[in-house]
Amino acid sequence: MRRQLGVSITGFLVICGILVVVSVLAMKVVPAYTEYENIKRDLTEIAHNPDMADASDDDIRDAFTKKASVDDVTSITAQDIDITREPLKLHVKYGVDMPIVANFTLHLNFEVNAKGSK
């Protein structure tokens, strides 16, 4: 007599449960990483812009505010950006809290450094 092969209903339900948990976590975490990539891209574009090398801090922050409004960046504001000169360096460090279920919250820390080409 041949032994039957396959997954039992219990095994199938466990695998489905694990997939649901992973999917929920992914749906919560992916937007935070997307926003991080938008912030990184915006700061890098500003730092590499030759017009911004000699611009005032307010002009740099204003440029970020315009780019952030287009990219729907809400985790940071222009005032959170640290600006240093020679060459132009932009730095921001921030955290994002994401409620997962009930009192279970995931905290992610992000740090972006953008250096100008000068």
C-alpha atoms as a PDB file:
ATOM      1  CA  MET A   1       0.000   0.000   0.000  1.00  0.00           C
ATOM      2  CA  ARG A   2       1.365   3.424  -0.979  1.00  0.00           C
ATOM      3  CA  ARG A   3       1.521   6.194   1.577  1.00  0.00           C
ATOM      4  CA  GLN A   4      -0.528   9.264   0.759  1.00  0.00           C
ATOM      5  CA  LEU A   5       1.492  12.449   0.159  1.00  0.00           C
ATOM      6  CA  GLY A   6       0.394  16.036   0.656  1.00  0.00           C
ATOM      7  CA  VAL A   7      -0.380  18.671   3.245  1.00  0.00           C
ATOM      8  CA  SER A   8      -2.937  18.064   5.963  1.00  0.00           C
ATOM      9  CA  ILE A   9      -5.692  20.602   6.615  1.00  0.00           C
ATOM     10  CA  THR A  10      -3.953  21.633   9.847  1.00  0.00           C
ATOM     11  CA  GLY A  11      -0.686  22.236   8.024  1.00  0.00           C
ATOM     12  CA  PHE A  12      -2.504  24.164   5.314  1.00  0.00           C
ATOM     13  CA  LEU A  13      -4.220  26.415   7.899  1.00  0.00           C
ATOM     14  CA  VAL A  14      -0.923  27.102   9.688  1.00  0.00           C
ATOM     15  CA  ILE A  15       0.732  28.068   6.405  1.00  0.00           C
ATOM     16  CA  CYS A  16      -2.236  30.334   5.537  1.00  0.00           C
ATOM     17  CA  GLY A  17      -2.036  31.983   8.973  1.00  0.00           C
ATOM     18  CA  ILE A  18       1.669  32.689   8.562  1.00  0.00           C
ATOM     19  CA  LEU A  19       1.065  34.154   5.100  1.00  0.00           C
ATOM     20  CA  VAL A  20      -1.669  36.438   6.464  1.00  0.00           C
ATOM     21  CA  VAL A  21       0.604  37.752   9.248  1.00  0.00           C
ATOM     22  CA  VAL A  22       3.465  38.374   6.812  1.00  0.00           C
ATOM     23  CA  SER A  23       1.097  40.120   4.391  1.00  0.00           C
ATOM     24  CA  VAL A  24      -0.285  42.429   7.101  1.00  0.00           C
ATOM     25  CA  LEU A  25       3.225  43.365   8.223  1.00  0.00           C
ATOM     26  CA  ALA A  26       4.272  44.036   4.637  1.00  0.00           C
ATOM     27  CA  MET A  27       1.254  46.275   4.040  1.00  0.00           C
ATOM     28  CA  LYS A  28       2.175  48.292   7.136  1.00  0.00           C
ATOM     29  CA  VAL A  29       5.949  48.530   6.516  1.00  0.00           C
ATOM     30  CA  VAL A  30       6.138  49.132   2.748  1.00  0.00           C
ATOM     31  CA  PRO A  31       4.664  52.688   2.879  1.00  0.00           C
ATOM     32  CA  ALA A  32       7.274  53.742   5.468  1.00  0.00           C
ATOM     33  CA  TYR A  33      10.109  52.500   3.268  1.00  0.00           C
ATOM     34  CA  THR A  34       8.548  54.130   0.211  1.00  0.00           C
ATOM     35  CA  GLU A  35       8.450  57.447   2.066  1.00  0.00           C
ATOM     36  CA  TYR A  36      12.077  56.927   3.153  1.00  0.00           C
ATOM     37  CA  GLU A  37      13.109  56.444  -0.483  1.00  0.00           C
ATOM     38  CA  ASN A  38      11.203  59.615  -1.459  1.00  0.00           C
ATOM     39  CA  ILE A  39      12.970  61.610   1.271  1.00  0.00           C
ATOM     40  CA  LYS A  40      16.332  60.184   0.230  1.00  0.00           C
ATOM     41  CA  ARG A  41      15.717  61.026  -3.430  1.00  0.00           C
ATOM     42  CA  ASP A  42      14.518  64.564  -2.638  1.00  0.00           C
ATOM     43  CA  LEU A  43      17.500  65.361  -0.406  1.00  0.00           C
ATOM     44  CA  THR A  44      19.946  63.899  -2.931  1.00  0.00           C
ATOM     45  CA  GLU A  45      18.436  65.966  -5.757  1.00  0.00           C
ATOM     46  CA  ILE A  46      18.687  69.125  -3.654  1.00  0.00           C
ATOM     47  CA  ALA A  47      22.271  68.383  -2.576  1.00  0.00           C
ATOM     48  CA  HIS A  48      23.395  67.730  -6.167  1.00  0.00           C
ATOM     49  CA  ASN A  49      21.653  70.804  -7.566  1.00  0.00           C
ATOM     50  CA  PRO A  50      24.424  73.350  -8.348  1.00  0.00           C
ATOM     51  CA  ASP A  51      22.057  76.241  -7.601  1.00  0.00           C
ATOM     52  CA  MET A  52      21.607  75.012  -4.028  1.00  0.00           C
ATOM     53  CA  ALA A  53      25.344  75.010  -3.213  1.00  0.00           C
ATOM     54  CA  ASP A  54      25.263  78.754  -2.492  1.00  0.00           C
ATOM     55  CA  ALA A  55      21.591  78.993  -1.493  1.00  0.00           C
ATOM     56  CA  SER A  56      20.503  80.011   1.979  1.00  0.00           C
ATOM     57  CA  ASP A  57      19.212  77.489   4.486  1.00  0.00           C
ATOM     58  CA  ASP A  58      15.701  78.851   4.024  1.00  0.00           C
ATOM     59  CA  ASP A  59      15.923  78.341   0.251  1.00  0.00           C
ATOM     60  CA  ILE A  60      17.071  74.741   0.750  1.00  0.00           C
ATOM     61  CA  ARG A  61      14.269  74.060   3.207  1.00  0.00           C
ATOM     62  CA  ASP A  62      11.766  75.680   0.848  1.00  0.00           C
ATOM     63  CA  ALA A  63      12.968  73.450  -2.006  1.00  0.00           C
ATOM     64  CA  PHE A  64      12.530  70.388   0.202  1.00  0.00           C
ATOM     65  CA  THR A  65       9.048  71.509   1.255  1.00  0.00           C
ATOM     66  CA  LYS A  66       7.998  71.787  -2.397  1.00  0.00           C
ATOM     67  CA  LYS A  67       9.410  68.361  -3.268  1.00  0.00           C
ATOM     68  CA  ALA A  68       7.948  66.787  -0.119  1.00  0.00           C
ATOM     69  CA  SER A  69       4.475  68.103  -0.886  1.00  0.00           C
ATOM     70  CA  VAL A  70       4.604  66.478  -4.332  1.00  0.00           C
ATOM     71  CA  ASP A  71       5.863  63.162  -2.890  1.00  0.00           C
ATOM     72  CA  ASP A  72       3.405  63.246   0.055  1.00  0.00           C
ATOM     73  CA  VAL A  73       6.151  63.158   2.704  1.00  0.00           C
ATOM     74  CA  THR A  74       4.605  63.555   6.147  1.00  0.00           C
ATOM     75  CA  SER A  75       7.153  61.987   8.521  1.00  0.00           C
ATOM     76  CA  ILE A  76       9.507  64.968   8.537  1.00  0.00           C
ATOM     77  CA  THR A  77       9.380  68.677   7.895  1.00  0.00           C
ATOM     78  CA  ALA A  78      11.967  70.972   6.379  1.00  0.00           C
ATOM     79  CA  GLN A  79      12.934  72.131   9.887  1.00  0.00           C
ATOM     80  CA  ASP A  80      14.120  68.591  10.730  1.00  0.00           C
ATOM     81  CA  ILE A  81      16.921  68.765   8.141  1.00  0.00           C
ATOM     82  CA  ASP A  82      20.448  69.498   9.392  1.00  0.00           C
ATOM     83  CA  ILE A  83      22.373  71.554   6.838  1.00  0.00           C
ATOM     84  CA  THR A  84      26.158  71.881   6.738  1.00  0.00           C
ATOM     85  CA  ARG A  85      28.344  73.576   4.125  1.00  0.00           C
ATOM     86  CA  GLU A  86      31.563  72.953   2.163  1.00  0.00           C
ATOM     87  CA  PRO A  87      30.384  70.793   0.509  1.00  0.00           C
ATOM     88  CA  LEU A  88      26.649  70.932   1.038  1.00  0.00           C
ATOM     89  CA  LYS A  89      25.501  68.091   3.295  1.00  0.00           C
ATOM     90  CA  LEU A  90      21.906  67.384   4.242  1.00  0.00           C
ATOM     91  CA  HIS A  91      21.125  65.023   7.105  1.00  0.00           C
ATOM     92  CA  VAL A  92      17.889  63.917   8.720  1.00  0.00           C
ATOM     93  CA  LYS A  93      17.195  61.234  11.300  1.00  0.00           C
ATOM     94  CA  TYR A  94      13.644  60.234  12.180  1.00  0.00           C
ATOM     95  CA  GLY A  95      11.486  57.409  13.432  1.00  0.00           C
ATOM     96  CA  VAL A  96       8.118  56.047  12.380  1.00  0.00           C
ATOM     97  CA  ASP A  97       5.688  54.293  14.738  1.00  0.00           C
ATOM     98  CA  MET A  98       3.220  51.933  13.090  1.00  0.00           C
ATOM     99  CA  PRO A  99       0.400  50.369  15.080  1.00  0.00           C
ATOM    100  CA  ILE A 100       0.079  46.759  13.978  1.00  0.00           C
ATOM    101  CA  VAL A 101      -2.588  45.161  16.193  1.00  0.00           C
ATOM    102  CA  ALA A 102      -4.078  46.430  19.481  1.00  0.00           C
ATOM    103  CA  ASN A 103      -1.118  47.575  21.616  1.00  0.00           C
ATOM    104  CA  PHE A 104       1.552  46.047  19.346  1.00  0.00           C
ATOM    105  CA  THR A 105       3.470  48.854  17.622  1.00  0.00           C
ATOM    106  CA  LEU A 106       6.435  48.640  15.270  1.00  0.00           C
ATOM    107  CA  HIS A 107       9.037  51.418  15.484  1.00  0.00           C
ATOM    108  CA  LEU A 108      11.373  51.999  12.526  1.00  0.00           C
ATOM    109  CA  ASN A 109      14.367  54.366  12.627  1.00  0.00           C
ATOM    110  CA  PHE A 110      15.594  55.995   9.431  1.00  0.00           C
ATOM    111  CA  GLU A 111      18.620  58.156   8.676  1.00  0.00           C
ATOM    112  CA  VAL A 112      19.313  59.962   5.398  1.00  0.00           C
ATOM    113  CA  ASN A 113      22.572  61.620   4.411  1.00  0.00           C
ATOM    114  CA  ALA A 114      22.932  63.512   1.145  1.00  0.00           C
ATOM    115  CA  LYS A 115      26.193  65.106   0.094  1.00  0.00           C
ATOM    116  CA  GLY A 116      26.630  67.663  -2.658  1.00  0.00           C
ATOM    117  CA  SER A 117      29.122  67.202  -5.474  1.00  0.00           C
ATOM    118  CA  LYS A 118      31.200  70.298  -4.733  1.00  0.00           C
END
